[in-house]
Amino acid sequence: MSTLDTTAPTRRSAPAAGTTPSTSQGPPRPRRFAVLPTAALLLGAAYCLLPVAWVVVASTKSGTELFSTFTFLPGSGFADNLADLDAYRDGVYWKWMGNSLFYAGLGAILSTMVSAVSGYALAMYRFRGRETVFNILLTGVLMPPVILAIPQYLLMAKVDLTDSHLSVLLPLILSPYGVYLGRVYAGAAVPAELVEAGRMDGAGEWRIFLRIAVPMMGPGLVTIFLFQFVAIWNNFLLPYIMLSDDEKFPMTVGLFTLLAQGSNTPALYTLVITGALLAIVPLIALFLVIQRFWSLDLLSGAVKS
């Protein structure tokens, strides 16, 4: 009489709770290519920072030290260079510095205001031709400013505004890129429901914009202001074409005239280098002051998410 095989097939026991099953994976693969992105970033940082480091070091050298050796060791003529720069043409350098602060500060404020109003209107209102206007603005973003310099000069000459502060300020008020950023940030930061609630409460459009939209767009407007300030501060071609009186020159054009004169008077090169170093200081101070607004923007975005 045959007997039945009652033995059950063996099964692998399940791992206990809280334990991970053993795997037969080998050692982690070496990240052989991880060094390449780091090296590329270091090379890019060196490419950007070495000229700045050379300006800092060269501004401490006297004329003899500057032309005799090329080293990154500091010299002993920084105080004399500052004194010579201050005495050059009765301190015309500080007039150039003041003009740059005037052009960049007032121009960035006005441009930020125009960008805020225009961007908010393009983001919140529905009207015929809105997308056409926005596409034209995008075309302006892609167009290099050098193409517009000569037409802007001809327009200013037509109304007899050349060689004036307005000839530099007026073309810089409308920034296509600033309007683009204003629309993007207004659409992302200002809820349409909040605007509708303000209208239902009887608030006017300007009150809604000033009391509701502007505080919510604050970090974006600070970014627009920074971009415009740096762009106007570094602008060279427009004031070079518009202005003929060197008392109205900004920093860029003034240092260029010093550099051009340096071919005949090499002693002026130390003034150009020292002036270029001092021209960086306001930008660094602006970046340090404005960082807190970006930090607040990041924190608010993290809370909202």
Protein backbone atom coordinates (compact mmCIF):
# COMPACT_ATOMS: atom_id res chain seq x y z
CA MET A 1 0.00 0.00 0.00
CA SER A 2 1.54 3.23 -1.09
CA THR A 3 1.81 6.04 1.36
CA LEU A 4 1.25 9.69 0.51
CA ASP A 5 4.13 12.15 0.93
CA THR A 6 2.81 14.60 3.49
CA THR A 7 5.94 16.68 3.83
CA ALA A 8 5.33 20.34 2.89
CA PRO A 9 7.82 22.15 0.67
CA THR A 10 10.29 24.24 2.55
CA ARG A 11 9.67 27.99 2.44
CA ARG A 12 12.05 30.78 3.13
CA SER A 13 11.08 32.49 6.34
CA ALA A 14 10.05 36.14 6.05
CA PRO A 15 12.30 38.69 7.70
CA ALA A 16 11.28 39.90 11.09
CA ALA A 17 9.53 43.21 11.43
CA GLY A 18 11.87 46.16 11.55
CA THR A 19 14.64 44.35 9.68
CA THR A 20 15.68 44.80 6.09
CA PRO A 21 16.18 41.83 3.80
CA SER A 22 19.76 41.04 3.00
CA THR A 23 20.81 41.97 -0.49
CA SER A 24 23.63 40.71 -2.57
CA GLN A 25 24.61 44.14 -3.88
CA GLY A 26 28.27 44.77 -4.23
CA PRO A 27 30.22 47.78 -2.96
CA PRO A 28 29.00 51.20 -4.15
CA ARG A 29 30.29 52.29 -7.47
CA PRO A 30 33.03 54.88 -7.31
CA ARG A 31 31.84 58.32 -8.37
CA ARG A 32 34.66 58.83 -10.83
CA PHE A 33 33.05 61.76 -12.60
CA ALA A 34 31.99 63.70 -9.49
CA VAL A 35 35.24 65.66 -9.62
CA LEU A 36 34.53 67.12 -13.08
CA PRO A 37 31.60 69.43 -12.10
CA THR A 38 33.53 70.62 -9.04
CA ALA A 39 36.61 71.36 -11.12
CA ALA A 40 34.52 73.23 -13.69
CA LEU A 41 32.94 75.36 -10.94
CA LEU A 42 36.34 76.10 -9.41
CA LEU A 43 37.72 77.14 -12.80
CA GLY A 44 34.71 79.40 -13.37
CA ALA A 45 35.12 80.97 -9.93
CA ALA A 46 38.82 81.56 -10.55
CA TYR A 47 38.07 83.09 -13.96
CA CYS A 48 35.65 85.57 -12.33
CA LEU A 49 37.59 86.33 -9.16
CA LEU A 50 41.17 86.58 -10.40
CA PRO A 51 40.63 89.92 -12.23
CA VAL A 52 38.95 91.33 -9.12
CA ALA A 53 41.84 90.10 -6.96
CA TRP A 54 44.31 91.69 -9.37
CA VAL A 55 42.48 95.05 -9.20
CA VAL A 56 42.59 94.91 -5.39
CA VAL A 57 46.32 94.16 -5.39
CA ALA A 58 47.19 96.57 -8.22
CA SER A 59 45.44 99.45 -6.47
CA THR A 60 48.01 99.16 -3.66
CA LYS A 61 50.98 99.56 -6.02
CA SER A 62 52.66 102.77 -7.01
CA GLY A 63 53.33 103.56 -10.66
CA THR A 64 56.84 102.15 -10.44
CA GLU A 65 55.72 98.94 -8.74
CA LEU A 66 52.84 98.50 -11.17
CA PHE A 67 54.98 98.53 -14.31
CA SER A 68 58.14 96.92 -12.94
CA THR A 69 56.78 93.56 -11.71
CA PHE A 70 53.61 91.54 -12.14
CA THR A 71 52.92 89.83 -8.82
CA PHE A 72 49.97 89.36 -6.52
CA LEU A 73 51.92 90.77 -3.60
CA PRO A 74 50.45 94.04 -2.26
CA GLY A 75 52.39 97.25 -2.73
CA SER A 76 52.83 100.32 -0.60
CA GLY A 77 51.16 103.05 -2.64
CA PHE A 78 47.45 102.67 -1.86
CA ALA A 79 47.25 105.81 0.30
CA ASP A 80 49.13 107.85 -2.31
CA ASN A 81 46.84 106.53 -5.06
CA LEU A 82 43.77 107.60 -3.09
CA ALA A 83 45.23 111.04 -2.49
CA ASP A 84 46.11 111.45 -6.19
CA LEU A 85 42.64 110.30 -7.23
CA ASP A 86 41.02 112.72 -4.83
CA ALA A 87 43.18 115.60 -6.06
CA TYR A 88 42.76 114.89 -9.77
CA ARG A 89 40.92 117.85 -11.33
CA ASP A 90 39.63 119.00 -7.95
CA GLY A 91 37.93 115.70 -7.16
CA VAL A 92 36.09 115.13 -10.43
CA TYR A 93 36.09 111.40 -9.64
CA TRP A 94 33.64 111.94 -6.78
CA LYS A 95 31.37 113.85 -9.16
CA TRP A 96 31.39 110.82 -11.43
CA MET A 97 30.60 108.62 -8.44
CA GLY A 98 27.72 110.88 -7.45
CA ASN A 99 26.40 110.91 -11.02
CA SER A 100 26.48 107.10 -11.12
CA LEU A 101 24.61 106.90 -7.83
CA PHE A 102 22.06 109.38 -9.15
CA TYR A 103 21.53 107.61 -12.48
CA ALA A 104 21.49 104.11 -11.00
CA GLY A 105 19.48 104.91 -7.87
CA LEU A 106 16.76 107.09 -9.39
CA GLY A 107 16.66 105.09 -12.62
CA ALA A 108 16.29 101.79 -10.76
CA ILE A 109 13.51 103.18 -8.54
CA LEU A 110 11.54 104.58 -11.48
CA SER A 111 12.08 101.44 -13.53
CA THR A 112 10.92 99.24 -10.65
CA MET A 113 7.76 101.31 -10.24
CA VAL A 114 6.95 101.07 -13.96
CA SER A 115 7.71 97.35 -13.97
CA ALA A 116 5.48 96.76 -10.94
CA VAL A 117 2.48 98.59 -12.40
CA SER A 118 2.90 97.12 -15.88
CA GLY A 119 3.56 93.58 -14.68
CA TYR A 120 0.59 93.67 -12.31
CA ALA A 121 -1.72 94.94 -15.07
CA LEU A 122 -0.56 92.27 -17.51
CA ALA A 123 -0.98 89.53 -14.91
CA MET A 124 -4.33 90.53 -13.36
CA TYR A 125 -6.38 92.22 -16.06
CA ARG A 126 -7.91 90.68 -19.16
CA PHE A 127 -8.03 93.02 -22.14
CA ARG A 128 -7.75 92.80 -25.89
CA GLY A 129 -4.18 92.68 -27.13
CA ARG A 130 -2.69 91.68 -23.79
CA GLU A 131 -0.70 88.78 -25.22
CA THR A 132 0.43 90.92 -28.14
CA VAL A 133 1.83 93.52 -25.75
CA PHE A 134 3.54 90.80 -23.75
CA ASN A 135 5.10 89.26 -26.87
CA ILE A 136 6.43 92.67 -27.90
CA LEU A 137 8.01 92.99 -24.45
CA LEU A 138 9.65 89.59 -24.88
CA THR A 139 11.07 90.82 -28.17
CA GLY A 140 12.51 93.78 -26.29
CA VAL A 141 14.13 91.41 -23.79
CA LEU A 142 15.92 89.59 -26.61
CA MET A 143 17.09 92.80 -28.31
CA PRO A 144 20.61 93.98 -27.31
CA PRO A 145 20.64 97.51 -25.84
CA VAL A 146 23.41 98.56 -28.24
CA ILE A 147 20.92 98.41 -31.11
CA LEU A 148 18.69 101.00 -29.42
CA ALA A 149 21.43 103.45 -28.43
CA ILE A 150 21.57 105.38 -31.72
CA PRO A 151 17.76 105.64 -32.16
CA GLN A 152 17.46 106.82 -28.56
CA TYR A 153 20.10 109.48 -29.21
CA LEU A 154 18.23 110.69 -32.30
CA LEU A 155 14.98 110.91 -30.32
CA MET A 156 16.64 112.87 -27.52
CA ALA A 157 18.29 115.19 -30.04
CA LYS A 158 14.88 115.79 -31.65
CA VAL A 159 13.50 117.15 -28.36
CA ASP A 160 16.78 118.91 -27.46
CA LEU A 161 17.54 116.77 -24.39
CA THR A 162 21.01 115.53 -25.28
CA ASP A 163 23.84 116.30 -22.85
CA SER A 164 21.41 116.34 -19.93
CA HIS A 165 20.66 114.00 -17.04
CA LEU A 166 17.25 113.24 -18.55
CA SER A 167 18.85 111.90 -21.71
CA VAL A 168 20.39 109.12 -19.61
CA LEU A 169 17.45 108.56 -17.25
CA LEU A 170 14.48 108.49 -19.62
CA PRO A 171 15.59 105.56 -21.84
CA LEU A 172 16.28 103.47 -18.74
CA ILE A 173 12.88 103.82 -17.07
CA LEU A 174 11.13 101.22 -19.22
CA SER A 175 12.87 97.86 -18.88
CA PRO A 176 11.29 94.98 -20.87
CA TYR A 177 12.99 92.43 -18.66
CA GLY A 178 11.75 94.22 -15.53
CA VAL A 179 8.16 94.23 -16.84
CA TYR A 180 8.50 90.53 -17.67
CA LEU A 181 9.68 89.74 -14.14
CA GLY A 182 6.91 91.93 -12.71
CA ARG A 183 4.24 89.99 -14.60
CA VAL A 184 5.68 86.61 -13.65
CA TYR A 185 5.99 87.51 -9.98
CA ALA A 186 2.58 89.22 -9.78
CA GLY A 187 0.91 86.17 -11.29
CA ALA A 188 2.66 83.86 -8.82
CA ALA A 189 2.53 85.94 -5.61
CA VAL A 190 -0.83 87.75 -5.78
CA PRO A 191 -3.89 85.44 -5.58
CA ALA A 192 -6.76 86.48 -7.83
CA GLU A 193 -9.21 85.59 -5.04
CA LEU A 194 -7.60 88.17 -2.75
CA VAL A 195 -7.94 90.85 -5.42
CA GLU A 196 -11.62 89.96 -5.92
CA ALA A 197 -12.18 90.10 -2.17
CA GLY A 198 -10.73 93.60 -2.07
CA ARG A 199 -13.07 94.68 -4.86
CA MET A 200 -16.06 93.22 -3.05
CA ASP A 201 -15.08 95.23 0.03
CA GLY A 202 -15.24 98.40 -2.06
CA ALA A 203 -11.53 99.07 -2.44
CA GLY A 204 -10.41 100.83 -5.62
CA GLU A 205 -7.91 99.37 -8.04
CA TRP A 206 -5.06 101.62 -6.92
CA ARG A 207 -5.74 100.84 -3.28
CA ILE A 208 -5.75 97.11 -4.01
CA PHE A 209 -2.48 97.45 -5.89
CA LEU A 210 -0.74 99.55 -3.22
CA ARG A 211 -2.11 97.85 -0.10
CA ILE A 212 -2.35 94.23 -1.26
CA ALA A 213 -0.27 93.58 -4.36
CA VAL A 214 2.85 95.64 -3.65
CA PRO A 215 3.60 94.07 -0.22
CA MET A 216 3.15 90.59 -1.68
CA MET A 217 5.36 91.46 -4.66
CA GLY A 218 8.01 93.01 -2.41
CA PRO A 219 10.83 90.44 -2.82
CA GLY A 220 10.30 90.35 -6.59
CA LEU A 221 10.42 94.15 -6.80
CA VAL A 222 13.64 94.15 -4.80
CA THR A 223 15.10 91.75 -7.35
CA ILE A 224 14.02 94.01 -10.22
CA PHE A 225 15.55 97.01 -8.45
CA LEU A 226 18.85 95.17 -8.00
CA PHE A 227 19.03 94.08 -11.62
CA GLN A 228 18.26 97.59 -12.85
CA PHE A 229 20.71 99.25 -10.45
CA VAL A 230 23.57 96.99 -11.57
CA ALA A 231 22.66 97.39 -15.25
CA ILE A 232 22.53 101.21 -15.04
CA TRP A 233 25.65 101.37 -12.88
CA ASN A 234 27.62 99.38 -15.47
CA ASN A 235 26.02 101.12 -18.47
CA PHE A 236 28.59 102.72 -20.74
CA LEU A 237 27.36 103.19 -24.29
CA LEU A 238 24.21 105.23 -23.60
CA PRO A 239 25.85 107.96 -21.43
CA TYR A 240 28.90 107.92 -23.70
CA ILE A 241 26.69 108.80 -26.67
CA MET A 242 24.32 111.18 -24.87
CA LEU A 243 26.74 113.26 -22.78
CA SER A 244 29.52 115.61 -23.82
CA ASP A 245 30.06 117.48 -20.53
CA ASP A 246 32.44 115.42 -18.40
CA GLU A 247 30.93 116.94 -15.25
CA LYS A 248 27.83 114.79 -15.97
CA PHE A 249 29.72 111.59 -16.76
CA PRO A 250 28.95 108.46 -14.76
CA MET A 251 31.72 106.31 -13.36
CA THR A 252 32.11 104.10 -16.44
CA VAL A 253 32.57 106.94 -18.93
CA GLY A 254 34.79 108.93 -16.57
CA LEU A 255 37.17 106.02 -16.02
CA PHE A 256 37.21 105.39 -19.77
CA THR A 257 38.38 108.95 -20.40
CA LEU A 258 41.11 108.50 -17.79
CA LEU A 259 42.17 105.25 -19.45
CA ALA A 260 42.30 106.94 -22.85
CA GLN A 261 44.50 109.69 -21.44
CA GLY A 262 46.73 107.09 -19.80
CA SER A 263 48.26 106.20 -23.18
CA ASN A 264 50.00 109.60 -23.08
CA THR A 265 50.30 109.85 -19.29
CA PRO A 266 51.04 106.40 -17.79
CA ALA A 267 50.74 107.79 -14.26
CA LEU A 268 46.97 107.93 -14.76
CA TYR A 269 46.76 104.13 -14.90
CA THR A 270 47.07 103.91 -11.13
CA LEU A 271 44.15 106.34 -10.82
CA VAL A 272 42.04 104.21 -13.18
CA ILE A 273 42.76 101.04 -11.20
CA THR A 274 42.08 102.71 -7.84
CA GLY A 275 38.88 104.25 -9.21
CA ALA A 276 37.75 100.87 -10.55
CA LEU A 277 38.27 99.35 -7.11
CA LEU A 278 36.20 102.06 -5.43
CA ALA A 279 33.48 101.62 -8.07
CA ILE A 280 32.92 98.04 -6.87
CA VAL A 281 32.27 99.07 -3.26
CA PRO A 282 28.68 100.40 -3.73
CA LEU A 283 27.66 97.22 -5.58
CA ILE A 284 29.05 94.99 -2.83
CA ALA A 285 27.29 97.10 -0.18
CA LEU A 286 24.02 96.86 -2.14
CA PHE A 287 24.28 93.08 -2.40
CA LEU A 288 24.95 92.74 1.33
CA VAL A 289 21.97 94.94 2.21
CA ILE A 290 19.60 93.25 -0.20
CA GLN A 291 20.40 89.68 0.82
CA ARG A 292 18.02 89.87 3.77
CA PHE A 293 15.08 90.43 1.41
CA TRP A 294 15.98 87.34 -0.59
CA SER A 295 16.28 85.36 2.65
CA LEU A 296 12.82 86.53 3.70
CA ASP A 297 11.48 85.51 0.29
CA LEU A 298 12.90 82.00 0.62
CA LEU A 299 11.52 81.62 4.14
CA SER A 300 8.06 82.78 3.09
CA GLY A 301 8.08 80.35 0.18
CA ALA A 302 9.01 77.51 2.50
CA VAL A 303 6.16 78.39 4.88
CA LYS A 304 3.65 78.58 2.04
CA SER A 305 4.70 75.22 0.64
